Amino acid sequence: MRARRDADVIERLRRLEGQVRGIERMVRDDRYCVDILIQLAAVQGALHSLGYKGATKVRVGKLIELEMEGENTNNMEAAVQEMCQKLLSNPVIEDFEVKILTP
C-alpha cells in the first residue's frame, strides 16, 4: 500500500515539475499572460493535491514568491524548504534561498 502511495506522489511531483519548467519556458519566450496564468493555476492546484493547502499564490520566474496562510512561521519555513527541495527548484542546476517576510 505504501509503495503505491509513494509511486503516486512521485508521479504527481514529476508532472508538477514539468508544469513549472513549462512556465519557465513560457516566461523566457515572452508568452501571453493568459497562458502563463493558466499554468500557474495548475501548479497551485498540484501543490494543493500534494497536501500544501496553505499555498495561496504562486508566481514563477527567476524569483518564486509564495504566500502562505497561517501563523507559525517555523512550520511555514519548513514547508517552503520542503516544497523547494521536492518541486520548485532543480538542485542539479539551481540553488534556492527561503526568506520569510511578515507584513
PDB file of N, CA and C in Angstrom:
ATOM      1  N   MET A   1       0.822  -1.180   0.000  1.00  0.00           N
ATOM      2  CA  MET A   1       0.000   0.000   0.000  1.00  0.00           C
ATOM      3  C   MET A   1       0.874   1.254   0.000  1.00  0.00           C
ATOM      4  N   ARG A   2       1.901   1.249   0.851  1.00  0.00           N
ATOM      5  CA  ARG A   2       2.760   2.433   0.935  1.00  0.00           C
ATOM      6  C   ARG A   2       3.541   2.639  -0.362  1.00  0.00           C
ATOM      7  N   ALA A   3       3.997   1.558  -0.975  1.00  0.00           N
ATOM      8  CA  ALA A   3       4.754   1.688  -2.224  1.00  0.00           C
ATOM      9  C   ALA A   3       3.887   2.320  -3.309  1.00  0.00           C
ATOM     10  N   ARG A   4       2.621   1.953  -3.349  1.00  0.00           N
ATOM     11  CA  ARG A   4       1.709   2.536  -4.338  1.00  0.00           C
ATOM     12  C   ARG A   4       1.507   4.020  -4.066  1.00  0.00           C
ATOM     13  N   ARG A   5       1.342   4.380  -2.790  1.00  0.00           N
ATOM     14  CA  ARG A   5       1.162   5.785  -2.424  1.00  0.00           C
ATOM     15  C   ARG A   5       2.408   6.584  -2.800  1.00  0.00           C
ATOM     16  N   ASP A   6       3.583   6.039  -2.480  1.00  0.00           N
ATOM     17  CA  ASP A   6       4.829   6.725  -2.810  1.00  0.00           C
ATOM     18  C   ASP A   6       4.979   6.907  -4.316  1.00  0.00           C
ATOM     19  N   ALA A   7       4.637   5.875  -5.078  1.00  0.00           N
ATOM     20  CA  ALA A   7       4.719   5.967  -6.538  1.00  0.00           C
ATOM     21  C   ALA A   7       3.765   7.037  -7.063  1.00  0.00           C
ATOM     22  N   ASP A   8       2.583   7.123  -6.468  1.00  0.00           N
ATOM     23  CA  ASP A   8       1.608   8.136  -6.861  1.00  0.00           C
ATOM     24  C   ASP A   8       2.136   9.542  -6.573  1.00  0.00           C
ATOM     25  N   VAL A   9       2.723   9.731  -5.407  1.00  0.00           N
ATOM     26  CA  VAL A   9       3.281  11.043  -5.051  1.00  0.00           C
ATOM     27  C   VAL A   9       4.425  11.408  -5.983  1.00  0.00           C
ATOM     28  N   ILE A  10       5.289  10.444  -6.281  1.00  0.00           N
ATOM     29  CA  ILE A  10       6.420  10.707  -7.188  1.00  0.00           C
ATOM     30  C   ILE A  10       5.908  11.094  -8.571  1.00  0.00           C
ATOM     31  N   GLU A  11       4.887  10.410  -9.048  1.00  0.00           N
ATOM     32  CA  GLU A  11       4.314  10.750 -10.356  1.00  0.00           C
ATOM     33  C   GLU A  11       3.722  12.162 -10.343  1.00  0.00           C
ATOM     34  N   ARG A  12       3.019  12.532  -9.283  1.00  0.00           N
ATOM     35  CA  ARG A  12       2.468  13.892  -9.179  1.00  0.00           C
ATOM     36  C   ARG A  12       3.584  14.922  -9.167  1.00  0.00           C
ATOM     37  N   LEU A  13       4.653  14.639  -8.436  1.00  0.00           N
ATOM     38  CA  LEU A  13       5.782  15.568  -8.384  1.00  0.00           C
ATOM     39  C   LEU A  13       6.415  15.737  -9.759  1.00  0.00           C
ATOM     40  N   ARG A  14       6.545  14.664 -10.507  1.00  0.00           N
ATOM     41  CA  ARG A  14       7.128  14.757 -11.859  1.00  0.00           C
ATOM     42  C   ARG A  14       6.251  15.593 -12.780  1.00  0.00           C
ATOM     43  N   ARG A  15       4.924  15.392 -12.682  1.00  0.00           N
ATOM     44  CA  ARG A  15       4.025  16.197 -13.502  1.00  0.00           C
ATOM     45  C   ARG A  15       4.122  17.668 -13.122  1.00  0.00           C
ATOM     46  N   LEU A  16       4.169  17.932 -11.835  1.00  0.00           N
ATOM     47  CA  LEU A  16       4.249  19.305 -11.352  1.00  0.00           C
ATOM     48  C   LEU A  16       5.569  19.945 -11.763  1.00  0.00           C
ATOM     49  N   GLU A  17       6.647  19.177 -11.686  1.00  0.00           N
ATOM     50  CA  GLU A  17       7.951  19.688 -12.117  1.00  0.00           C
ATOM     51  C   GLU A  17       7.894  20.084 -13.592  1.00  0.00           C
ATOM     52  N   GLY A  18       7.244  19.266 -14.409  1.00  0.00           N
ATOM     53  CA  GLY A  18       7.090  19.586 -15.829  1.00  0.00           C
ATOM     54  C   GLY A  18       6.291  20.861 -16.038  1.00  0.00           C
ATOM     55  N   GLN A  19       5.256  21.043 -15.226  1.00  0.00           N
ATOM     56  CA  GLN A  19       4.458  22.267 -15.329  1.00  0.00           C
ATOM     57  C   GLN A  19       5.300  23.494 -14.990  1.00  0.00           C
ATOM     58  N   VAL A  20       6.086  23.402 -13.933  1.00  0.00           N
ATOM     59  CA  VAL A  20       6.929  24.538 -13.533  1.00  0.00           C
ATOM     60  C   VAL A  20       7.956  24.837 -14.622  1.00  0.00           C
ATOM     61  N   ARG A  21       8.563  23.831 -15.187  1.00  0.00           N
ATOM     62  CA  ARG A  21       9.533  24.058 -16.264  1.00  0.00           C
ATOM     63  C   ARG A  21       8.853  24.665 -17.498  1.00  0.00           C
ATOM     64  N   GLY A  22       7.614  24.240 -17.761  1.00  0.00           N
ATOM     65  CA  GLY A  22       6.863  24.827 -18.871  1.00  0.00           C
ATOM     66  C   GLY A  22       6.600  26.301 -18.656  1.00  0.00           C
ATOM     67  N   ILE A  23       6.268  26.674 -17.440  1.00  0.00           N
ATOM     68  CA  ILE A  23       6.043  28.093 -17.120  1.00  0.00           C
ATOM     69  C   ILE A  23       7.337  28.871 -17.313  1.00  0.00           C
ATOM     70  N   GLU A  24       8.433  28.306 -16.868  1.00  0.00           N
ATOM     71  CA  GLU A  24       9.727  28.985 -17.034  1.00  0.00           C
ATOM     72  C   GLU A  24       9.994  29.246 -18.511  1.00  0.00           C
ATOM     73  N   ARG A  25       9.744  28.249 -19.367  1.00  0.00           N
ATOM     74  CA  ARG A  25       9.940  28.436 -20.812  1.00  0.00           C
ATOM     75  C   ARG A  25       8.999  29.506 -21.355  1.00  0.00           C
ATOM     76  N   MET A  26       7.748  29.505 -20.877  1.00  0.00           N
ATOM     77  CA  MET A  26       6.776  30.487 -21.352  1.00  0.00           C
ATOM     78  C   MET A  26       7.208  31.902 -20.991  1.00  0.00           C
ATOM     79  N   VAL A  27       7.714  32.091 -19.784  1.00  0.00           N
ATOM     80  CA  VAL A  27       8.188  33.414 -19.368  1.00  0.00           C
ATOM     81  C   VAL A  27       9.380  33.811 -20.225  1.00  0.00           C
ATOM     82  N   ARG A  28      10.313  32.887 -20.399  1.00  0.00           N
ATOM     83  CA  ARG A  28      11.505  33.162 -21.202  1.00  0.00           C
ATOM     84  C   ARG A  28      11.131  33.513 -22.641  1.00  0.00           C
ATOM     85  N   ASP A  29      10.105  32.831 -23.188  1.00  0.00           N
ATOM     86  CA  ASP A  29       9.683  33.047 -24.571  1.00  0.00           C
ATOM     87  C   ASP A  29       8.700  34.205 -24.715  1.00  0.00           C
ATOM     88  N   ASP A  30       8.435  34.922 -23.603  1.00  0.00           N
ATOM     89  CA  ASP A  30       7.544  36.085 -23.611  1.00  0.00           C
ATOM     90  C   ASP A  30       6.151  35.733 -24.117  1.00  0.00           C
ATOM     91  N   ARG A  31       5.588  34.647 -23.588  1.00  0.00           N
ATOM     92  CA  ARG A  31       4.255  34.186 -23.989  1.00  0.00           C
ATOM     93  C   ARG A  31       3.174  35.079 -23.385  1.00  0.00           C
ATOM     94  N   TYR A  32       1.970  34.921 -23.884  1.00  0.00           N
ATOM     95  CA  TYR A  32       0.829  35.693 -23.409  1.00  0.00           C
ATOM     96  C   TYR A  32       0.567  35.419 -21.934  1.00  0.00           C
ATOM     97  N   CYS A  33       0.198  36.455 -21.213  1.00  0.00           N
ATOM     98  CA  CYS A  33      -0.067  36.351 -19.779  1.00  0.00           C
ATOM     99  C   CYS A  33      -1.145  35.320 -19.454  1.00  0.00           C
ATOM    100  N   VAL A  34      -2.190  35.242 -20.272  1.00  0.00           N
ATOM    101  CA  VAL A  34      -3.284  34.305 -20.011  1.00  0.00           C
ATOM    102  C   VAL A  34      -2.756  32.873 -19.994  1.00  0.00           C
ATOM    103  N   ASP A  35      -1.896  32.542 -20.946  1.00  0.00           N
ATOM    104  CA  ASP A  35      -1.323  31.194 -20.999  1.00  0.00           C
ATOM    105  C   ASP A  35      -0.502  30.895 -19.747  1.00  0.00           C
ATOM    106  N   ILE A  36       0.257  31.868 -19.311  1.00  0.00           N
ATOM    107  CA  ILE A  36       1.091  31.696 -18.122  1.00  0.00           C
ATOM    108  C   ILE A  36       0.214  31.556 -16.882  1.00  0.00           C
ATOM    109  N   LEU A  37      -0.840  32.379 -16.782  1.00  0.00           N
ATOM    110  CA  LEU A  37      -1.732  32.305 -15.626  1.00  0.00           C
ATOM    111  C   LEU A  37      -2.412  30.944 -15.526  1.00  0.00           C
ATOM    112  N   ILE A  38      -2.776  30.369 -16.652  1.00  0.00           N
ATOM    113  CA  ILE A  38      -3.388  29.035 -16.640  1.00  0.00           C
ATOM    114  C   ILE A  38      -2.407  28.020 -16.055  1.00  0.00           C
ATOM    115  N   GLN A  39      -1.151  28.105 -16.451  1.00  0.00           N
ATOM    116  CA  GLN A  39      -0.147  27.178 -15.927  1.00  0.00           C
ATOM    117  C   GLN A  39       0.117  27.412 -14.446  1.00  0.00           C
ATOM    118  N   LEU A  40       0.132  28.677 -14.024  1.00  0.00           N
ATOM    119  CA  LEU A  40       0.336  28.966 -12.604  1.00  0.00           C
ATOM    120  C   LEU A  40      -0.798  28.389 -11.763  1.00  0.00           C
ATOM    121  N   ALA A  41      -2.021  28.479 -12.276  1.00  0.00           N
ATOM    122  CA  ALA A  41      -3.161  27.893 -11.564  1.00  0.00           C
ATOM    123  C   ALA A  41      -3.001  26.375 -11.474  1.00  0.00           C
ATOM    124  N   ALA A  42      -2.465  25.763 -12.521  1.00  0.00           N
ATOM    125  CA  ALA A  42      -2.238  24.317 -12.494  1.00  0.00           C
ATOM    126  C   ALA A  42      -1.195  23.947 -11.445  1.00  0.00           C
ATOM    127  N   VAL A  43      -0.143  24.745 -11.334  1.00  0.00           N
ATOM    128  CA  VAL A  43       0.888  24.492 -10.322  1.00  0.00           C
ATOM    129  C   VAL A  43       0.293  24.628  -8.927  1.00  0.00           C
ATOM    130  N   GLN A  44      -0.488  25.668  -8.711  1.00  0.00           N
ATOM    131  CA  GLN A  44      -1.110  25.858  -7.401  1.00  0.00           C
ATOM    132  C   GLN A  44      -2.029  24.686  -7.073  1.00  0.00           C
ATOM    133  N   GLY A  45      -2.806  24.231  -8.044  1.00  0.00           N
ATOM    134  CA  GLY A  45      -3.681  23.084  -7.831  1.00  0.00           C
ATOM    135  C   GLY A  45      -2.889  21.824  -7.509  1.00  0.00           C
ATOM    136  N   ALA A  46      -1.762  21.655  -8.184  1.00  0.00           N
ATOM    137  CA  ALA A  46      -0.922  20.480  -7.926  1.00  0.00           C
ATOM    138  C   ALA A  46      -0.315  20.540  -6.529  1.00  0.00           C
ATOM    139  N   LEU A  47       0.106  21.721  -6.101  1.00  0.00           N
ATOM    140  CA  LEU A  47       0.627  21.859  -4.733  1.00  0.00           C
ATOM    141  C   LEU A  47      -0.458  21.487  -3.728  1.00  0.00           C
ATOM    142  N   HIS A  48      -1.679  21.915  -3.977  1.00  0.00           N
ATOM    143  CA  HIS A  48      -2.787  21.583  -3.078  1.00  0.00           C
ATOM    144  C   HIS A  48      -3.024  20.076  -3.061  1.00  0.00           C
ATOM    145  N   SER A  49      -2.937  19.428  -4.232  1.00  0.00           N
ATOM    146  CA  SER A  49      -3.174  17.983  -4.290  1.00  0.00           C
ATOM    147  C   SER A  49      -2.087  17.204  -3.561  1.00  0.00           C
ATOM    148  N   LEU A  50      -0.916  17.821  -3.394  1.00  0.00           N
ATOM    149  CA  LEU A  50       0.167  17.193  -2.638  1.00  0.00           C
ATOM    150  C   LEU A  50       0.065  17.483  -1.150  1.00  0.00           C
ATOM    151  N   GLY A  51      -0.968  18.228  -0.760  1.00  0.00           N
ATOM    152  CA  GLY A  51      -1.197  18.484   0.653  1.00  0.00           C
ATOM    153  C   GLY A  51      -0.737  19.844   1.134  1.00  0.00           C
ATOM    154  N   TYR A  52      -0.231  20.699   0.248  1.00  0.00           N
ATOM    155  CA  TYR A  52       0.222  22.039   0.623  1.00  0.00           C
ATOM    156  C   TYR A  52      -0.945  23.013   0.464  1.00  0.00           C
ATOM    157  N   LYS A  53      -1.957  22.862   1.300  1.00  0.00           N
ATOM    158  CA  LYS A  53      -3.188  23.647   1.192  1.00  0.00           C
ATOM    159  C   LYS A  53      -2.967  25.123   1.507  1.00  0.00           C
ATOM    160  N   GLY A  54      -1.906  25.460   2.226  1.00  0.00           N
ATOM    161  CA  GLY A  54      -1.649  26.841   2.603  1.00  0.00           C
ATOM    162  C   GLY A  54      -1.055  27.686   1.489  1.00  0.00           C
ATOM    163  N   ALA A  55      -0.663  27.065   0.372  1.00  0.00           N
ATOM    164  CA  ALA A  55      -0.097  27.818  -0.755  1.00  0.00           C
ATOM    165  C   ALA A  55      -1.239  28.550  -1.453  1.00  0.00           C
ATOM    166  N   THR A  56      -1.283  29.883  -1.306  1.00  0.00           N
ATOM    167  CA  THR A  56      -2.412  30.636  -1.838  1.00  0.00           C
ATOM    168  C   THR A  56      -2.100  31.383  -3.126  1.00  0.00           C
ATOM    169  N   LYS A  57      -0.864  31.763  -3.351  1.00  0.00           N
ATOM    170  CA  LYS A  57      -0.483  32.452  -4.584  1.00  0.00           C
ATOM    171  C   LYS A  57       0.877  31.919  -5.017  1.00  0.00           C
ATOM    172  N   VAL A  58       1.018  31.625  -6.292  1.00  0.00           N
ATOM    173  CA  VAL A  58       2.279  31.106  -6.827  1.00  0.00           C
ATOM    174  C   VAL A  58       2.693  31.985  -7.993  1.00  0.00           C
ATOM    175  N   ARG A  59       3.920  32.428  -7.983  1.00  0.00           N
ATOM    176  CA  ARG A  59       4.500  33.176  -9.096  1.00  0.00           C
ATOM    177  C   ARG A  59       5.820  32.494  -9.436  1.00  0.00           C
ATOM    178  N   VAL A  60       6.073  32.247 -10.726  1.00  0.00           N
ATOM    179  CA  VAL A  60       7.276  31.540 -11.136  1.00  0.00           C
ATOM    180  C   VAL A  60       8.080  32.421 -12.075  1.00  0.00           C
ATOM    181  N   GLY A  61       9.367  32.467 -11.904  1.00  0.00           N
ATOM    182  CA  GLY A  61      10.295  33.204 -12.744  1.00  0.00           C
ATOM    183  C   GLY A  61      11.680  32.985 -12.173  1.00  0.00           C
ATOM    184  N   LYS A  62      12.537  33.944 -12.307  1.00  0.00           N
ATOM    185  CA  LYS A  62      13.836  33.850 -11.657  1.00  0.00           C
ATOM    186  C   LYS A  62      13.663  33.834 -10.146  1.00  0.00           C
ATOM    187  N   LEU A  63      12.602  34.471  -9.704  1.00  0.00           N
ATOM    188  CA  LEU A  63      12.268  34.558  -8.285  1.00  0.00           C
ATOM    189  C   LEU A  63      10.904  33.910  -8.101  1.00  0.00           C
ATOM    190  N   ILE A  64      10.788  33.026  -7.144  1.00  0.00           N
ATOM    191  CA  ILE A  64       9.494  32.417  -6.846  1.00  0.00           C
ATOM    192  C   ILE A  64       8.996  33.024  -5.548  1.00  0.00           C
ATOM    193  N   GLU A  65       7.828  33.637  -5.611  1.00  0.00           N
ATOM    194  CA  GLU A  65       7.191  34.195  -4.424  1.00  0.00           C
ATOM    195  C   GLU A  65       6.015  33.311  -4.085  1.00  0.00           C
ATOM    196  N   LEU A  66       5.875  32.993  -2.818  1.00  0.00           N
ATOM    197  CA  LEU A  66       4.812  32.108  -2.375  1.00  0.00           C
ATOM    198  C   LEU A  66       4.214  32.671  -1.104  1.00  0.00           C
ATOM    199  N   GLU A  67       2.927  32.921  -1.123  1.00  0.00           N
ATOM    200  CA  GLU A  67       2.245  33.397   0.080  1.00  0.00           C
ATOM    201  C   GLU A  67       1.637  32.194   0.779  1.00  0.00           C
ATOM    202  N   MET A  68       1.790  32.150   2.107  1.00  0.00           N
ATOM    203  CA  MET A  68       1.267  31.045   2.903  1.00  0.00           C
ATOM    204  C   MET A  68       0.272  31.586   3.914  1.00  0.00           C
ATOM    205  N   GLU A  69      -0.721  30.788   4.196  1.00  0.00           N
ATOM    206  CA  GLU A  69      -1.669  31.137   5.240  1.00  0.00           C
ATOM    207  C   GLU A  69      -1.242  30.445   6.521  1.00  0.00           C
ATOM    208  N   GLY A  70      -1.461  31.099   7.644  1.00  0.00           N
ATOM    209  CA  GLY A  70      -1.121  30.512   8.932  1.00  0.00           C
ATOM    210  C   GLY A  70      -0.316  31.486   9.759  1.00  0.00           C
ATOM    211  N   GLU A  71      -0.053  31.084  10.982  1.00  0.00           N
ATOM    212  CA  GLU A  71       0.646  31.980  11.901  1.00  0.00           C
ATOM    213  C   GLU A  71       2.002  31.459  12.352  1.00  0.00           C
ATOM    214  N   ASN A  72       2.256  30.172  12.263  1.00  0.00           N
ATOM    215  CA  ASN A  72       3.500  29.601  12.753  1.00  0.00           C
ATOM    216  C   ASN A  72       4.581  29.686  11.677  1.00  0.00           C
ATOM    217  N   THR A  73       5.458  30.684  11.777  1.00  0.00           N
ATOM    218  CA  THR A  73       6.471  30.886  10.736  1.00  0.00           C
ATOM    219  C   THR A  73       7.492  29.753  10.699  1.00  0.00           C
ATOM    220  N   ASN A  74       7.759  29.082  11.815  1.00  0.00           N
ATOM    221  CA  ASN A  74       8.695  27.951  11.796  1.00  0.00           C
ATOM    222  C   ASN A  74       8.152  26.820  10.928  1.00  0.00           C
ATOM    223  N   ASN A  75       6.871  26.493  11.097  1.00  0.00           N
ATOM    224  CA  ASN A  75       6.257  25.448  10.281  1.00  0.00           C
ATOM    225  C   ASN A  75       6.189  25.859   8.817  1.00  0.00           C
ATOM    226  N   MET A  76       5.901  27.137   8.568  1.00  0.00           N
ATOM    227  CA  MET A  76       5.834  27.633   7.198  1.00  0.00           C
ATOM    228  C   MET A  76       7.182  27.531   6.518  1.00  0.00           C
ATOM    229  N   GLU A  77       8.221  27.946   7.211  1.00  0.00           N
ATOM    230  CA  GLU A  77       9.555  27.893   6.614  1.00  0.00           C
ATOM    231  C   GLU A  77       9.942  26.459   6.289  1.00  0.00           C
ATOM    232  N   ALA A  78       9.658  25.537   7.191  1.00  0.00           N
ATOM    233  CA  ALA A  78       9.965  24.122   6.949  1.00  0.00           C
ATOM    234  C   ALA A  78       9.181  23.605   5.738  1.00  0.00           C
ATOM    235  N   ALA A  79       7.905  23.993   5.625  1.00  0.00           N
ATOM    236  CA  ALA A  79       7.088  23.558   4.488  1.00  0.00           C
ATOM    237  C   ALA A  79       7.619  24.127   3.178  1.00  0.00           C
ATOM    238  N   VAL A  80       8.020  25.396   3.181  1.00  0.00           N
ATOM    239  CA  VAL A  80       8.542  26.021   1.960  1.00  0.00           C
ATOM    240  C   VAL A  80       9.879  25.394   1.579  1.00  0.00           C
ATOM    241  N   GLN A  81      10.739  25.122   2.553  1.00  0.00           N
ATOM    242  CA  GLN A  81      12.001  24.432   2.267  1.00  0.00           C
ATOM    243  C   GLN A  81      11.717  23.094   1.580  1.00  0.00           C
ATOM    244  N   GLU A  82      10.756  22.361   2.103  1.00  0.00           N
ATOM    245  CA  GLU A  82      10.392  21.062   1.543  1.00  0.00           C
ATOM    246  C   GLU A  82       9.840  21.207   0.129  1.00  0.00           C
ATOM    247  N   MET A  83       8.974  22.224  -0.093  1.00  0.00           N
ATOM    248  CA  MET A  83       8.425  22.468  -1.431  1.00  0.00           C
ATOM    249  C   MET A  83       9.549  22.743  -2.430  1.00  0.00           C
ATOM    250  N   CYS A  84      10.531  23.532  -2.011  1.00  0.00           N
ATOM    251  CA  CYS A  84      11.651  23.866  -2.896  1.00  0.00           C
ATOM    252  C   CYS A  84      12.489  22.635  -3.220  1.00  0.00           C
ATOM    253  N   GLN A  85      12.759  21.833  -2.212  1.00  0.00           N
ATOM    254  CA  GLN A  85      13.568  20.627  -2.422  1.00  0.00           C
ATOM    255  C   GLN A  85      12.859  19.611  -3.298  1.00  0.00           C
ATOM    256  N   LYS A  86      11.555  19.461  -3.124  1.00  0.00           N
ATOM    257  CA  LYS A  86      10.803  18.438  -3.853  1.00  0.00           C
ATOM    258  C   LYS A  86      10.334  18.885  -5.230  1.00  0.00           C
ATOM    259  N   LEU A  87      10.115  20.191  -5.406  1.00  0.00           N
ATOM    260  CA  LEU A  87       9.453  20.600  -6.633  1.00  0.00           C
ATOM    261  C   LEU A  87       9.951  21.896  -7.262  1.00  0.00           C
ATOM    262  N   LEU A  88      10.043  22.935  -6.488  1.00  0.00           N
ATOM    263  CA  LEU A  88      10.192  24.271  -7.058  1.00  0.00           C
ATOM    264  C   LEU A  88      11.595  24.597  -7.552  1.00  0.00           C
ATOM    265  N   SER A  89      12.591  23.833  -7.155  1.00  0.00           N
ATOM    266  CA  SER A  89      13.945  24.085  -7.646  1.00  0.00           C
ATOM    267  C   SER A  89      14.513  22.818  -8.276  1.00  0.00           C
ATOM    268  N   ASN A  90      15.482  23.000  -9.136  1.00  0.00           N
ATOM    269  CA  ASN A  90      16.203  21.877  -9.725  1.00  0.00           C
ATOM    270  C   ASN A  90      17.590  21.877  -9.084  1.00  0.00           C
ATOM    271  N   PRO A  91      17.822  21.008  -8.090  1.00  0.00           N
ATOM    272  CA  PRO A  91      19.075  21.050  -7.335  1.00  0.00           C
ATOM    273  C   PRO A  91      20.316  20.770  -8.176  1.00  0.00           C
ATOM    274  N   VAL A  92      20.150  20.239  -9.370  1.00  0.00           N
ATOM    275  CA  VAL A  92      21.295  19.971 -10.243  1.00  0.00           C
ATOM    276  C   VAL A  92      21.877  21.274 -10.773  1.00  0.00           C
ATOM    277  N   ILE A  93      20.998  22.245 -11.074  1.00  0.00           N
ATOM    278  CA  ILE A  93      21.477  23.481 -11.694  1.00  0.00           C
ATOM    279  C   ILE A  93      21.102  24.738 -10.922  1.00  0.00           C
ATOM    280  N   GLU A  94      20.347  24.602  -9.825  1.00  0.00           N
ATOM    281  CA  GLU A  94      19.872  25.784  -9.110  1.00  0.00           C
ATOM    282  C   GLU A  94      20.108  25.653  -7.612  1.00  0.00           C
ATOM    283  N   ASP A  95      20.312  26.787  -7.004  1.00  0.00           N
ATOM    284  CA  ASP A  95      20.306  26.891  -5.549  1.00  0.00           C
ATOM    285  C   ASP A  95      19.053  27.673  -5.183  1.00  0.00           C
ATOM    286  N   PHE A  96      18.634  27.565  -3.945  1.00  0.00           N
ATOM    287  CA  PHE A  96      17.496  28.368  -3.525  1.00  0.00           C
ATOM    288  C   PHE A  96      17.723  28.874  -2.115  1.00  0.00           C
ATOM    289  N   GLU A  97      17.040  29.948  -1.837  1.00  0.00           N
ATOM    290  CA  GLU A  97      17.083  30.569  -0.517  1.00  0.00           C
ATOM    291  C   GLU A  97      15.653  30.908  -0.132  1.00  0.00           C
ATOM    292  N   VAL A  98      15.290  30.616   1.103  1.00  0.00           N
ATOM    293  CA  VAL A  98      13.949  30.914   1.590  1.00  0.00           C
ATOM    294  C   VAL A  98      14.031  32.091   2.536  1.00  0.00           C
ATOM    295  N   LYS A  99      13.195  33.099   2.288  1.00  0.00           N
ATOM    296  CA  LYS A  99      13.101  34.243   3.181  1.00  0.00           C
ATOM    297  C   LYS A  99      11.648  34.366   3.614  1.00  0.00           C
ATOM    298  N   ILE A 100      11.450  34.491   4.905  1.00  0.00           N
ATOM    299  CA  ILE A 100      10.112  34.680   5.445  1.00  0.00           C
ATOM    300  C   ILE A 100       9.915  36.175   5.661  1.00  0.00           C
ATOM    301  N   LEU A 101       8.942  36.738   4.982  1.00  0.00           N
ATOM    302  CA  LEU A 101       8.627  38.155   5.130  1.00  0.00           C
ATOM    303  C   LEU A 101       7.300  38.264   5.848  1.00  0.00           C
ATOM    304  N   THR A 102       7.247  39.076   6.855  1.00  0.00           N
ATOM    305  CA  THR A 102       5.983  39.277   7.564  1.00  0.00           C
ATOM    306  C   THR A 102       5.488  40.683   7.280  1.00  0.00           C
ATOM    307  N   PRO A 103       4.166  40.822   7.149  1.00  0.00           N
ATOM    308  CA  PRO A 103       3.604  42.148   6.820  1.00  0.00           C
ATOM    309  C   PRO A 103       3.784  43.137   7.952  1.00  0.00           C
TER     310      PRO A 103
END
